[in-house]
Amino acid sequence: MYIVTNKTFIQKGEAHKLIERFNKVGKIEQMEGFLGLEVLETQKVKEHDEVCIVTRWTDEAAFKAWMKSDAFKQAHSKDGEGQRPAFIIGNEIIFQEVKVVRHPMTTAAM
């Protein structure tokens, strides 16, 4: 499994503006190899808000296909002036390959 996290730094008090953008079904759900998406709001950050968009893929190739797709380009088009939204200060992209997965044990297995 391949995980991509977009850690986005947002003006203080404005995290909801980015979170709202992900509160609907988009084209990513139709992509081959897409396993899921989570939107996380980091707690206890004083200087700014922080939102992490975590996407899970079967492998790196599936993620790269998403990056090259028209659906990706549409989903990431800038606002009408060609700028990122003013409330976004910046971001960092983190790429990770899952090496170990563990699940809770059922009562019967104990």
PDB file of N, CA and C in Angstrom:
ATOM      1  N   MET A   1       0.847  -1.176   0.000  1.00  0.00           N
ATOM      2  CA  MET A   1       0.000   0.000   0.000  1.00  0.00           C
ATOM      3  C   MET A   1       0.890   1.236   0.000  1.00  0.00           C
ATOM      4  N   TYR A   2       0.434   2.277  -0.682  1.00  0.00           N
ATOM      5  CA  TYR A   2       1.184   3.519  -0.831  1.00  0.00           C
ATOM      6  C   TYR A   2       0.329   4.646  -0.256  1.00  0.00           C
ATOM      7  N   ILE A   3       0.921   5.443   0.628  1.00  0.00           N
ATOM      8  CA  ILE A   3       0.207   6.527   1.305  1.00  0.00           C
ATOM      9  C   ILE A   3       0.817   7.858   0.882  1.00  0.00           C
ATOM     10  N   VAL A   4      -0.047   8.803   0.526  1.00  0.00           N
ATOM     11  CA  VAL A   4       0.406  10.158   0.211  1.00  0.00           C
ATOM     12  C   VAL A   4      -0.344  11.114   1.131  1.00  0.00           C
ATOM     13  N   THR A   5       0.418  11.925   1.866  1.00  0.00           N
ATOM     14  CA  THR A   5      -0.168  12.895   2.789  1.00  0.00           C
ATOM     15  C   THR A   5       0.193  14.296   2.321  1.00  0.00           C
ATOM     16  N   ASN A   6      -0.831  15.115   2.150  1.00  0.00           N
ATOM     17  CA  ASN A   6      -0.640  16.526   1.829  1.00  0.00           C
ATOM     18  C   ASN A   6      -0.899  17.303   3.115  1.00  0.00           C
ATOM     19  N   LYS A   7       0.193  17.676   3.803  1.00  0.00           N
ATOM     20  CA  LYS A   7       0.088  18.453   5.036  1.00  0.00           C
ATOM     21  C   LYS A   7      -0.012  19.921   4.633  1.00  0.00           C
ATOM     22  N   THR A   8      -1.164  20.525   4.909  1.00  0.00           N
ATOM     23  CA  THR A   8      -1.445  21.879   4.446  1.00  0.00           C
ATOM     24  C   THR A   8      -1.517  22.825   5.635  1.00  0.00           C
ATOM     25  N   PHE A   9      -0.822  23.942   5.529  1.00  0.00           N
ATOM     26  CA  PHE A   9      -0.793  24.953   6.578  1.00  0.00           C
ATOM     27  C   PHE A   9      -1.790  26.048   6.205  1.00  0.00           C
ATOM     28  N   ILE A  10      -2.712  26.328   7.125  1.00  0.00           N
ATOM     29  CA  ILE A  10      -3.854  27.199   6.873  1.00  0.00           C
ATOM     30  C   ILE A  10      -3.826  28.357   7.866  1.00  0.00           C
ATOM     31  N   GLN A  11      -4.317  29.516   7.426  1.00  0.00           N
ATOM     32  CA  GLN A  11      -4.429  30.644   8.346  1.00  0.00           C
ATOM     33  C   GLN A  11      -5.267  30.235   9.555  1.00  0.00           C
ATOM     34  N   LYS A  12      -4.865  30.683  10.722  1.00  0.00           N
ATOM     35  CA  LYS A  12      -5.531  30.320  11.975  1.00  0.00           C
ATOM     36  C   LYS A  12      -7.032  30.573  11.877  1.00  0.00           C
ATOM     37  N   GLY A  13      -7.808  29.568  12.263  1.00  0.00           N
ATOM     38  CA  GLY A  13      -9.260  29.680  12.264  1.00  0.00           C
ATOM     39  C   GLY A  13      -9.928  29.402  10.932  1.00  0.00           C
ATOM     40  N   GLU A  14      -9.161  29.016   9.913  1.00  0.00           N
ATOM     41  CA  GLU A  14      -9.704  28.833   8.564  1.00  0.00           C
ATOM     42  C   GLU A  14      -9.682  27.379   8.081  1.00  0.00           C
ATOM     43  N   ALA A  15      -9.317  26.437   8.923  1.00  0.00           N
ATOM     44  CA  ALA A  15      -9.206  25.032   8.497  1.00  0.00           C
ATOM     45  C   ALA A  15     -10.496  24.520   7.876  1.00  0.00           C
ATOM     46  N   HIS A  16     -11.628  24.961   8.401  1.00  0.00           N
ATOM     47  CA  HIS A  16     -12.920  24.476   7.900  1.00  0.00           C
ATOM     48  C   HIS A  16     -13.102  24.726   6.406  1.00  0.00           C
ATOM     49  N   LYS A  17     -12.478  25.777   5.880  1.00  0.00           N
ATOM     50  CA  LYS A  17     -12.622  26.089   4.450  1.00  0.00           C
ATOM     51  C   LYS A  17     -12.023  24.988   3.572  1.00  0.00           C
ATOM     52  N   LEU A  18     -10.889  24.444   3.985  1.00  0.00           N
ATOM     53  CA  LEU A  18     -10.287  23.350   3.221  1.00  0.00           C
ATOM     54  C   LEU A  18     -11.039  22.045   3.477  1.00  0.00           C
ATOM     55  N   ILE A  19     -11.385  21.796   4.720  1.00  0.00           N
ATOM     56  CA  ILE A  19     -12.089  20.560   5.076  1.00  0.00           C
ATOM     57  C   ILE A  19     -13.389  20.436   4.291  1.00  0.00           C
ATOM     58  N   GLU A  20     -14.131  21.523   4.158  1.00  0.00           N
ATOM     59  CA  GLU A  20     -15.407  21.511   3.428  1.00  0.00           C
ATOM     60  C   GLU A  20     -15.238  21.059   1.982  1.00  0.00           C
ATOM     61  N   ARG A  21     -14.113  21.357   1.379  1.00  0.00           N
ATOM     62  CA  ARG A  21     -13.870  20.979  -0.020  1.00  0.00           C
ATOM     63  C   ARG A  21     -13.827  19.464  -0.218  1.00  0.00           C
ATOM     64  N   PHE A  22     -13.539  18.728   0.846  1.00  0.00           N
ATOM     65  CA  PHE A  22     -13.419  17.272   0.747  1.00  0.00           C
ATOM     66  C   PHE A  22     -14.664  16.546   1.243  1.00  0.00           C
ATOM     67  N   ASN A  23     -15.674  17.284   1.643  1.00  0.00           N
ATOM     68  CA  ASN A  23     -16.874  16.683   2.216  1.00  0.00           C
ATOM     69  C   ASN A  23     -17.906  16.335   1.143  1.00  0.00           C
ATOM     70  N   LYS A  24     -17.417  15.818   0.030  1.00  0.00           N
ATOM     71  CA  LYS A  24     -18.297  15.379  -1.060  1.00  0.00           C
ATOM     72  C   LYS A  24     -17.535  14.356  -1.899  1.00  0.00           C
ATOM     73  N   VAL A  25     -18.279  13.543  -2.620  1.00  0.00           N
ATOM     74  CA  VAL A  25     -17.656  12.555  -3.501  1.00  0.00           C
ATOM     75  C   VAL A  25     -17.044  13.283  -4.686  1.00  0.00           C
ATOM     76  N   GLY A  26     -15.848  12.859  -5.072  1.00  0.00           N
ATOM     77  CA  GLY A  26     -15.166  13.459  -6.214  1.00  0.00           C
ATOM     78  C   GLY A  26     -14.756  12.392  -7.215  1.00  0.00           C
ATOM     79  N   LYS A  27     -13.919  12.767  -8.139  1.00  0.00           N
ATOM     80  CA  LYS A  27     -13.482  11.835  -9.180  1.00  0.00           C
ATOM     81  C   LYS A  27     -12.429  10.847  -8.681  1.00  0.00           C
ATOM     82  N   ILE A  28     -11.764  11.179  -7.593  1.00  0.00           N
ATOM     83  CA  ILE A  28     -10.722  10.288  -7.075  1.00  0.00           C
ATOM     84  C   ILE A  28     -11.296   8.918  -6.718  1.00  0.00           C
ATOM     85  N   GLU A  29     -12.559   8.894  -6.275  1.00  0.00           N
ATOM     86  CA  GLU A  29     -13.185   7.629  -5.889  1.00  0.00           C
ATOM     87  C   GLU A  29     -13.327   6.670  -7.063  1.00  0.00           C
ATOM     88  N   GLN A  30     -13.233   7.181  -8.275  1.00  0.00           N
ATOM     89  CA  GLN A  30     -13.372   6.355  -9.475  1.00  0.00           C
ATOM     90  C   GLN A  30     -12.026   5.862 -10.016  1.00  0.00           C
ATOM     91  N   MET A  31     -10.946   6.302  -9.409  1.00  0.00           N
ATOM     92  CA  MET A  31      -9.618   5.950  -9.914  1.00  0.00           C
ATOM     93  C   MET A  31      -9.241   4.518  -9.541  1.00  0.00           C
ATOM     94  N   GLU A  32      -8.683   3.810 -10.512  1.00  0.00           N
ATOM     95  CA  GLU A  32      -8.195   2.458 -10.255  1.00  0.00           C
ATOM     96  C   GLU A  32      -7.044   2.529  -9.262  1.00  0.00           C
ATOM     97  N   GLY A  33      -7.076   1.672  -8.271  1.00  0.00           N
ATOM     98  CA  GLY A  33      -6.013   1.632  -7.274  1.00  0.00           C
ATOM     99  C   GLY A  33      -6.244   2.530  -6.077  1.00  0.00           C
ATOM    100  N   PHE A  34      -7.295   3.347  -6.102  1.00  0.00           N
ATOM    101  CA  PHE A  34      -7.609   4.216  -4.966  1.00  0.00           C
ATOM    102  C   PHE A  34      -8.251   3.386  -3.864  1.00  0.00           C
ATOM    103  N   LEU A  35      -7.719   3.493  -2.646  1.00  0.00           N
ATOM    104  CA  LEU A  35      -8.236   2.715  -1.520  1.00  0.00           C
ATOM    105  C   LEU A  35      -8.999   3.553  -0.503  1.00  0.00           C
ATOM    106  N   GLY A  36      -8.736   4.845  -0.452  1.00  0.00           N
ATOM    107  CA  GLY A  36      -9.443   5.674   0.518  1.00  0.00           C
ATOM    108  C   GLY A  36      -8.765   7.010   0.738  1.00  0.00           C
ATOM    109  N   LEU A  37      -9.494   7.889   1.421  1.00  0.00           N
ATOM    110  CA  LEU A  37      -9.017   9.238   1.704  1.00  0.00           C
ATOM    111  C   LEU A  37      -9.517   9.635   3.085  1.00  0.00           C
ATOM    112  N   GLU A  38      -8.640  10.227   3.865  1.00  0.00           N
ATOM    113  CA  GLU A  38      -9.014  10.784   5.162  1.00  0.00           C
ATOM    114  C   GLU A  38      -8.558  12.235   5.219  1.00  0.00           C
ATOM    115  N   VAL A  39      -9.354  13.063   5.872  1.00  0.00           N
ATOM    116  CA  VAL A  39      -8.994  14.456   6.112  1.00  0.00           C
ATOM    117  C   VAL A  39      -8.811  14.599   7.621  1.00  0.00           C
ATOM    118  N   LEU A  40      -7.609  14.982   8.033  1.00  0.00           N
ATOM    119  CA  LEU A  40      -7.259  15.073   9.447  1.00  0.00           C
ATOM    120  C   LEU A  40      -6.968  16.521   9.814  1.00  0.00           C
ATOM    121  N   GLU A  41      -7.510  16.971  10.928  1.00  0.00           N
ATOM    122  CA  GLU A  41      -7.186  18.309  11.427  1.00  0.00           C
ATOM    123  C   GLU A  41      -6.262  18.143  12.629  1.00  0.00           C
ATOM    124  N   THR A  42      -5.047  18.653  12.517  1.00  0.00           N
ATOM    125  CA  THR A  42      -4.065  18.544  13.587  1.00  0.00           C
ATOM    126  C   THR A  42      -4.509  19.405  14.766  1.00  0.00           C
ATOM    127  N   GLN A  43      -4.386  18.856  15.955  1.00  0.00           N
ATOM    128  CA  GLN A  43      -4.790  19.552  17.175  1.00  0.00           C
ATOM    129  C   GLN A  43      -3.602  20.268  17.814  1.00  0.00           C
ATOM    130  N   LYS A  44      -3.882  21.313  18.542  1.00  0.00           N
ATOM    131  CA  LYS A  44      -2.917  22.030  19.386  1.00  0.00           C
ATOM    132  C   LYS A  44      -1.765  22.652  18.610  1.00  0.00           C
ATOM    133  N   VAL A  45      -2.046  23.194  17.423  1.00  0.00           N
ATOM    134  CA  VAL A  45      -1.040  23.965  16.686  1.00  0.00           C
ATOM    135  C   VAL A  45      -1.366  25.430  16.946  1.00  0.00           C
ATOM    136  N   LYS A  46      -0.424  26.190  17.472  1.00  0.00           N
ATOM    137  CA  LYS A  46      -0.710  27.565  17.898  1.00  0.00           C
ATOM    138  C   LYS A  46      -0.613  28.590  16.779  1.00  0.00           C
ATOM    139  N   GLU A  47       0.374  28.464  15.902  1.00  0.00           N
ATOM    140  CA  GLU A  47       0.664  29.512  14.918  1.00  0.00           C
ATOM    141  C   GLU A  47      -0.324  29.551  13.762  1.00  0.00           C
ATOM    142  N   HIS A  48      -0.829  28.385  13.370  1.00  0.00           N
ATOM    143  CA  HIS A  48      -1.684  28.267  12.189  1.00  0.00           C
ATOM    144  C   HIS A  48      -2.533  27.008  12.342  1.00  0.00           C
ATOM    145  N   ASP A  49      -3.480  26.813  11.449  1.00  0.00           N
ATOM    146  CA  ASP A  49      -4.214  25.547  11.404  1.00  0.00           C
ATOM    147  C   ASP A  49      -3.449  24.597  10.491  1.00  0.00           C
ATOM    148  N   GLU A  50      -3.653  23.307  10.687  1.00  0.00           N
ATOM    149  CA  GLU A  50      -2.980  22.306   9.865  1.00  0.00           C
ATOM    150  C   GLU A  50      -3.979  21.206   9.520  1.00  0.00           C
ATOM    151  N   VAL A  51      -4.121  20.947   8.230  1.00  0.00           N
ATOM    152  CA  VAL A  51      -5.018  19.907   7.743  1.00  0.00           C
ATOM    153  C   VAL A  51      -4.188  18.949   6.896  1.00  0.00           C
ATOM    154  N   CYS A  52      -4.326  17.651   7.164  1.00  0.00           N
ATOM    155  CA  CYS A  52      -3.632  16.637   6.381  1.00  0.00           C
ATOM    156  C   CYS A  52      -4.652  15.866   5.555  1.00  0.00           C
ATOM    157  N   ILE A  53      -4.436  15.820   4.257  1.00  0.00           N
ATOM    158  CA  ILE A  53      -5.249  15.015   3.363  1.00  0.00           C
ATOM    159  C   ILE A  53      -4.434  13.751   3.089  1.00  0.00           C
ATOM    160  N   VAL A  54      -4.929  12.618   3.552  1.00  0.00           N
ATOM    161  CA  VAL A  54      -4.218  11.347   3.430  1.00  0.00           C
ATOM    162  C   VAL A  54      -4.942  10.493   2.394  1.00  0.00           C
ATOM    163  N   THR A  55      -4.230  10.109   1.339  1.00  0.00           N
ATOM    164  CA  THR A  55      -4.817   9.201   0.353  1.00  0.00           C
ATOM    165  C   THR A  55      -4.068   7.881   0.399  1.00  0.00           C
ATOM    166  N   ARG A  56      -4.825   6.796   0.223  1.00  0.00           N
ATOM    167  CA  ARG A  56      -4.262   5.447   0.242  1.00  0.00           C
ATOM    168  C   ARG A  56      -4.458   4.818  -1.129  1.00  0.00           C
ATOM    169  N   TRP A  57      -3.388   4.196  -1.632  1.00  0.00           N
ATOM    170  CA  TRP A  57      -3.364   3.614  -2.977  1.00  0.00           C
ATOM    171  C   TRP A  57      -2.831   2.193  -2.919  1.00  0.00           C
ATOM    172  N   THR A  58      -3.184   1.396  -3.901  1.00  0.00           N
ATOM    173  CA  THR A  58      -2.656   0.032  -3.956  1.00  0.00           C
ATOM    174  C   THR A  58      -1.142   0.047  -4.115  1.00  0.00           C
ATOM    175  N   ASP A  59      -0.639   1.009  -4.900  1.00  0.00           N
ATOM    176  CA  ASP A  59       0.801   1.114  -5.133  1.00  0.00           C
ATOM    177  C   ASP A  59       1.127   2.500  -5.692  1.00  0.00           C
ATOM    178  N   GLU A  60       2.410   2.775  -5.841  1.00  0.00           N
ATOM    179  CA  GLU A  60       2.859   4.076  -6.335  1.00  0.00           C
ATOM    180  C   GLU A  60       2.364   4.341  -7.753  1.00  0.00           C
ATOM    181  N   ALA A  61       2.302   3.311  -8.573  1.00  0.00           N
ATOM    182  CA  ALA A  61       1.844   3.477  -9.962  1.00  0.00           C
ATOM    183  C   ALA A  61       0.406   3.994 -10.010  1.00  0.00           C
ATOM    184  N   ALA A  62      -0.449   3.509  -9.122  1.00  0.00           N
ATOM    185  CA  ALA A  62      -1.840   3.983  -9.081  1.00  0.00           C
ATOM    186  C   ALA A  62      -1.885   5.460  -8.713  1.00  0.00           C
ATOM    187  N   PHE A  63      -1.067   5.867  -7.743  1.00  0.00           N
ATOM    188  CA  PHE A  63      -1.008   7.279  -7.368  1.00  0.00           C
ATOM    189  C   PHE A  63      -0.514   8.133  -8.532  1.00  0.00           C
ATOM    190  N   LYS A  64       0.536   7.681  -9.217  1.00  0.00           N
ATOM    191  CA  LYS A  64       1.073   8.449 -10.345  1.00  0.00           C
ATOM    192  C   LYS A  64       0.050   8.572 -11.472  1.00  0.00           C
ATOM    193  N   ALA A  65      -0.754   7.533 -11.681  1.00  0.00           N
ATOM    194  CA  ALA A  65      -1.815   7.603 -12.697  1.00  0.00           C
ATOM    195  C   ALA A  65      -2.830   8.682 -12.316  1.00  0.00           C
ATOM    196  N   TRP A  66      -3.158   8.786 -11.034  1.00  0.00           N
ATOM    197  CA  TRP A  66      -4.052   9.847 -10.549  1.00  0.00           C
ATOM    198  C   TRP A  66      -3.438  11.222 -10.823  1.00  0.00           C
ATOM    199  N   MET A  67      -2.162  11.369 -10.532  1.00  0.00           N
ATOM    200  CA  MET A  67      -1.489  12.659 -10.730  1.00  0.00           C
ATOM    201  C   MET A  67      -1.515  13.103 -12.195  1.00  0.00           C
ATOM    202  N   LYS A  68      -1.481  12.148 -13.120  1.00  0.00           N
ATOM    203  CA  LYS A  68      -1.460  12.465 -14.550  1.00  0.00           C
ATOM    204  C   LYS A  68      -2.857  12.600 -15.147  1.00  0.00           C
ATOM    205  N   SER A  69      -3.882  12.274 -14.385  1.00  0.00           N
ATOM    206  CA  SER A  69      -5.247  12.228 -14.922  1.00  0.00           C
ATOM    207  C   SER A  69      -5.872  13.616 -15.065  1.00  0.00           C
ATOM    208  N   ASP A  70      -6.824  13.716 -15.983  1.00  0.00           N
ATOM    209  CA  ASP A  70      -7.601  14.947 -16.125  1.00  0.00           C
ATOM    210  C   ASP A  70      -8.388  15.221 -14.850  1.00  0.00           C
ATOM    211  N   ALA A  71      -8.841  14.164 -14.190  1.00  0.00           N
ATOM    212  CA  ALA A  71      -9.595  14.318 -12.942  1.00  0.00           C
ATOM    213  C   ALA A  71      -8.745  15.029 -11.885  1.00  0.00           C
ATOM    214  N   PHE A  72      -7.456  14.675 -11.797  1.00  0.00           N
ATOM    215  CA  PHE A  72      -6.561  15.341 -10.850  1.00  0.00           C
ATOM    216  C   PHE A  72      -6.427  16.815 -11.201  1.00  0.00           C
ATOM    217  N   LYS A  73      -6.213  17.095 -12.472  1.00  0.00           N
ATOM    218  CA  LYS A  73      -6.046  18.486 -12.905  1.00  0.00           C
ATOM    219  C   LYS A  73      -7.277  19.313 -12.580  1.00  0.00           C
ATOM    220  N   GLN A  74      -8.458  18.750 -12.789  1.00  0.00           N
ATOM    221  CA  GLN A  74      -9.696  19.467 -12.472  1.00  0.00           C
ATOM    222  C   GLN A  74      -9.834  19.676 -10.966  1.00  0.00           C
ATOM    223  N   ALA A  75      -9.522  18.655 -10.195  1.00  0.00           N
ATOM    224  CA  ALA A  75      -9.666  18.741  -8.739  1.00  0.00           C
ATOM    225  C   ALA A  75      -8.687  19.731  -8.123  1.00  0.00           C
ATOM    226  N   HIS A  76      -7.546  19.940  -8.776  1.00  0.00           N
ATOM    227  CA  HIS A  76      -6.516  20.808  -8.222  1.00  0.00           C
ATOM    228  C   HIS A  76      -6.346  22.110  -8.994  1.00  0.00           C
ATOM    229  N   SER A  77      -7.324  22.458  -9.807  1.00  0.00           N
ATOM    230  CA  SER A  77      -7.223  23.731 -10.524  1.00  0.00           C
ATOM    231  C   SER A  77      -7.286  24.865  -9.512  1.00  0.00           C
ATOM    232  N   LYS A  78      -6.552  25.894  -9.777  1.00  0.00           N
ATOM    233  CA  LYS A  78      -6.505  27.052  -8.882  1.00  0.00           C
ATOM    234  C   LYS A  78      -7.815  27.816  -8.995  1.00  0.00           C
ATOM    235  N   ASP A  79      -7.990  28.810  -8.147  1.00  0.00           N
ATOM    236  CA  ASP A  79      -9.200  29.617  -8.245  1.00  0.00           C
ATOM    237  C   ASP A  79      -9.182  30.412  -9.546  1.00  0.00           C
ATOM    238  N   GLY A  80     -10.188  31.190  -9.796  1.00  0.00           N
ATOM    239  CA  GLY A  80     -10.336  31.891 -11.062  1.00  0.00           C
ATOM    240  C   GLY A  80      -9.166  32.772 -11.451  1.00  0.00           C
ATOM    241  N   GLU A  81      -8.352  33.170 -10.497  1.00  0.00           N
ATOM    242  CA  GLU A  81      -7.218  34.050 -10.792  1.00  0.00           C
ATOM    243  C   GLU A  81      -5.907  33.283 -10.923  1.00  0.00           C
ATOM    244  N   GLY A  82      -5.971  31.967 -10.927  1.00  0.00           N
ATOM    245  CA  GLY A  82      -4.751  31.176 -11.061  1.00  0.00           C
ATOM    246  C   GLY A  82      -3.920  31.119  -9.792  1.00  0.00           C
ATOM    247  N   GLN A  83      -4.517  31.439  -8.668  1.00  0.00           N
ATOM    248  CA  GLN A  83      -3.813  31.448  -7.390  1.00  0.00           C
ATOM    249  C   GLN A  83      -4.389  30.378  -6.470  1.00  0.00           C
ATOM    250  N   ARG A  84      -3.583  29.919  -5.533  1.00  0.00           N
ATOM    251  CA  ARG A  84      -4.131  29.034  -4.503  1.00  0.00           C
ATOM    252  C   ARG A  84      -5.007  29.891  -3.596  1.00  0.00           C
ATOM    253  N   PRO A  85      -5.982  29.293  -2.921  1.00  0.00           N
ATOM    254  CA  PRO A  85      -6.845  30.078  -2.033  1.00  0.00           C
ATOM    255  C   PRO A  85      -6.011  30.848  -1.010  1.00  0.00           C
ATOM    256  N   ALA A  86      -6.427  32.059  -0.696  1.00  0.00           N
ATOM    257  CA  ALA A  86      -5.665  32.946   0.184  1.00  0.00           C
ATOM    258  C   ALA A  86      -5.475  32.366   1.582  1.00  0.00           C
ATOM    259  N   PHE A  87      -6.376  31.504   2.025  1.00  0.00           N
ATOM    260  CA  PHE A  87      -6.272  30.956   3.381  1.00  0.00           C
ATOM    261  C   PHE A  87      -5.188  29.886   3.499  1.00  0.00           C
ATOM    262  N   ILE A  88      -4.660  29.390   2.381  1.00  0.00           N
ATOM    263  CA  ILE A  88      -3.590  28.381   2.422  1.00  0.00           C
ATOM    264  C   ILE A  88      -2.234  29.081   2.468  1.00  0.00           C
ATOM    265  N   ILE A  89      -1.480  28.808   3.519  1.00  0.00           N
ATOM    266  CA  ILE A  89      -0.151  29.398   3.701  1.00  0.00           C
ATOM    267  C   ILE A  89       0.887  28.619   2.900  1.00  0.00           C
ATOM    268  N   GLY A  90       0.782  27.306   2.914  1.00  0.00           N
ATOM    269  CA  GLY A  90       1.734  26.449   2.214  1.00  0.00           C
ATOM    270  C   GLY A  90       1.395  24.992   2.467  1.00  0.00           C
ATOM    271  N   ASN A  91       2.231  24.099   1.960  1.00  0.00           N
ATOM    272  CA  ASN A  91       1.987  22.677   2.177  1.00  0.00           C
ATOM    273  C   ASN A  91       3.270  21.871   2.038  1.00  0.00           C
ATOM    274  N   GLU A  92       3.192  20.635   2.486  1.00  0.00           N
ATOM    275  CA  GLU A  92       4.292  19.674   2.379  1.00  0.00           C
ATOM    276  C   GLU A  92       3.675  18.338   1.981  1.00  0.00           C
ATOM    277  N   ILE A  93       4.259  17.668   0.997  1.00  0.00           N
ATOM    278  CA  ILE A  93       3.768  16.367   0.551  1.00  0.00           C
ATOM    279  C   ILE A  93       4.689  15.279   1.109  1.00  0.00           C
ATOM    280  N   ILE A  94       4.084  14.244   1.681  1.00  0.00           N
ATOM    281  CA  ILE A  94       4.833  13.138   2.274  1.00  0.00           C
ATOM    282  C   ILE A  94       4.415  11.848   1.567  1.00  0.00           C
ATOM    283  N   PHE A  95       5.391  11.096   1.062  1.00  0.00           N
ATOM    284  CA  PHE A  95       5.143   9.836   0.357  1.00  0.00           C
ATOM    285  C   PHE A  95       5.638   8.691   1.242  1.00  0.00           C
ATOM    286  N   GLN A  96       4.772   7.690   1.455  1.00  0.00           N
ATOM    287  CA  GLN A  96       5.144   6.577   2.324  1.00  0.00           C
ATOM    288  C   GLN A  96       4.665   5.260   1.729  1.00  0.00           C
ATOM    289  N   GLU A  97       5.487   4.240   1.892  1.00  0.00           N
ATOM    290  CA  GLU A  97       5.092   2.893   1.508  1.00  0.00           C
ATOM    291  C   GLU A  97       4.845   2.096   2.787  1.00  0.00           C
ATOM    292  N   VAL A  98       3.679   1.482   2.885  1.00  0.00           N
ATOM    293  CA  VAL A  98       3.318   0.717   4.077  1.00  0.00           C
ATOM    294  C   VAL A  98       4.141  -0.566   4.117  1.00  0.00           C
ATOM    295  N   LYS A  99       4.773  -0.812   5.235  1.00  0.00           N
ATOM    296  CA  LYS A  99       5.616  -1.996   5.408  1.00  0.00           C
ATOM    297  C   LYS A  99       4.993  -3.026   6.339  1.00  0.00           C
ATOM    298  N   VAL A 100       4.222  -2.583   7.322  1.00  0.00           N
ATOM    299  CA  VAL A 100       3.591  -3.488   8.272  1.00  0.00           C
ATOM    300  C   VAL A 100       2.181  -2.984   8.546  1.00  0.00           C
ATOM    301  N   VAL A 101       1.214  -3.898   8.572  1.00  0.00           N
ATOM    302  CA  VAL A 101      -0.164  -3.573   8.936  1.00  0.00           C
ATOM    303  C   VAL A 101      -0.579  -4.534  10.037  1.00  0.00           C
ATOM    304  N   ARG A 102      -1.160  -4.007  11.093  1.00  0.00           N
ATOM    305  CA  ARG A 102      -1.657  -4.844  12.182  1.00  0.00           C
ATOM    306  C   ARG A 102      -3.112  -4.502  12.424  1.00  0.00           C
ATOM    307  N   HIS A 103      -3.880  -5.488  12.838  1.00  0.00           N
ATOM    308  CA  HIS A 103      -5.307  -5.313  13.094  1.00  0.00           C
ATOM    309  C   HIS A 103      -5.622  -5.778  14.509  1.00  0.00           C
ATOM    310  N   PRO A 104      -6.711  -5.273  15.104  1.00  0.00           N
ATOM    311  CA  PRO A 104      -7.066  -5.723  16.450  1.00  0.00           C
ATOM    312  C   PRO A 104      -7.456  -7.197  16.448  1.00  0.00           C
ATOM    313  N   MET A 105      -7.191  -7.838  17.551  1.00  0.00           N
ATOM    314  CA  MET A 105      -7.578  -9.242  17.690  1.00  0.00           C
ATOM    315  C   MET A 105      -9.039  -9.316  18.116  1.00  0.00           C
ATOM    316  N   THR A 106      -9.739 -10.289  17.615  1.00  0.00           N
ATOM    317  CA  THR A 106     -11.111 -10.507  18.060  1.00  0.00           C
ATOM    318  C   THR A 106     -11.075 -11.228  19.399  1.00  0.00           C
ATOM    319  N   THR A 107     -12.139 -11.127  20.148  1.00  0.00           N
ATOM    320  CA  THR A 107     -12.214 -11.792  21.453  1.00  0.00           C
ATOM    321  C   THR A 107     -12.019 -13.296  21.310  1.00  0.00           C
ATOM    322  N   ALA A 108     -12.553 -13.867  20.245  1.00  0.00           N
ATOM    323  CA  ALA A 108     -12.432 -15.312  20.021  1.00  0.00           C
ATOM    324  C   ALA A 108     -10.986 -15.740  19.796  1.00  0.00           C
ATOM    325  N   ALA A 109     -10.164 -14.851  19.269  1.00  0.00           N
ATOM    326  CA  ALA A 109      -8.773 -15.200  18.955  1.00  0.00           C
ATOM    327  C   ALA A 109      -7.868 -15.101  20.175  1.00  0.00           C
ATOM    328  N   MET A 110      -8.348 -14.505  21.252  1.00  0.00           N
ATOM    329  CA  MET A 110      -7.500 -14.310  22.440  1.00  0.00           C
ATOM    330  C   MET A 110      -7.430 -15.531  23.300  1.00  0.00           C
TER     331      MET A 110
END
